[in-house]
Amino acid sequence: MLDILLVVLFCWIFWKSLGLALRIAWGTTKILVSILFAIALPMVAVCLIFAGGVLLLVPVVLMVLAFLLLKACT
């Protein structure tokens, strides 16, 4: 009987730790995406004002990377 209780307890703890790990991963992803957007949006403005063409690809790639990272975790 004690074995069954311990197995149930460990399964419950595993389930709760899995949920916590997913919440932590989601929070980390949101932070990384926010940082990528904070870097990419000013770079877009600078590239539109001072340069054109190839330099514009860097912030666009950063924004696409942030979007894909956000979509991959949902």
Foldseek 3Di string as FASTA:
>chain_A
DVVVVVVVVVVVVVVVVVVVVLVVVLVVLVVQLVVLCVVLPVQCVVCVVPHDDPSNVVSVVSNVVSVVSNVVSD
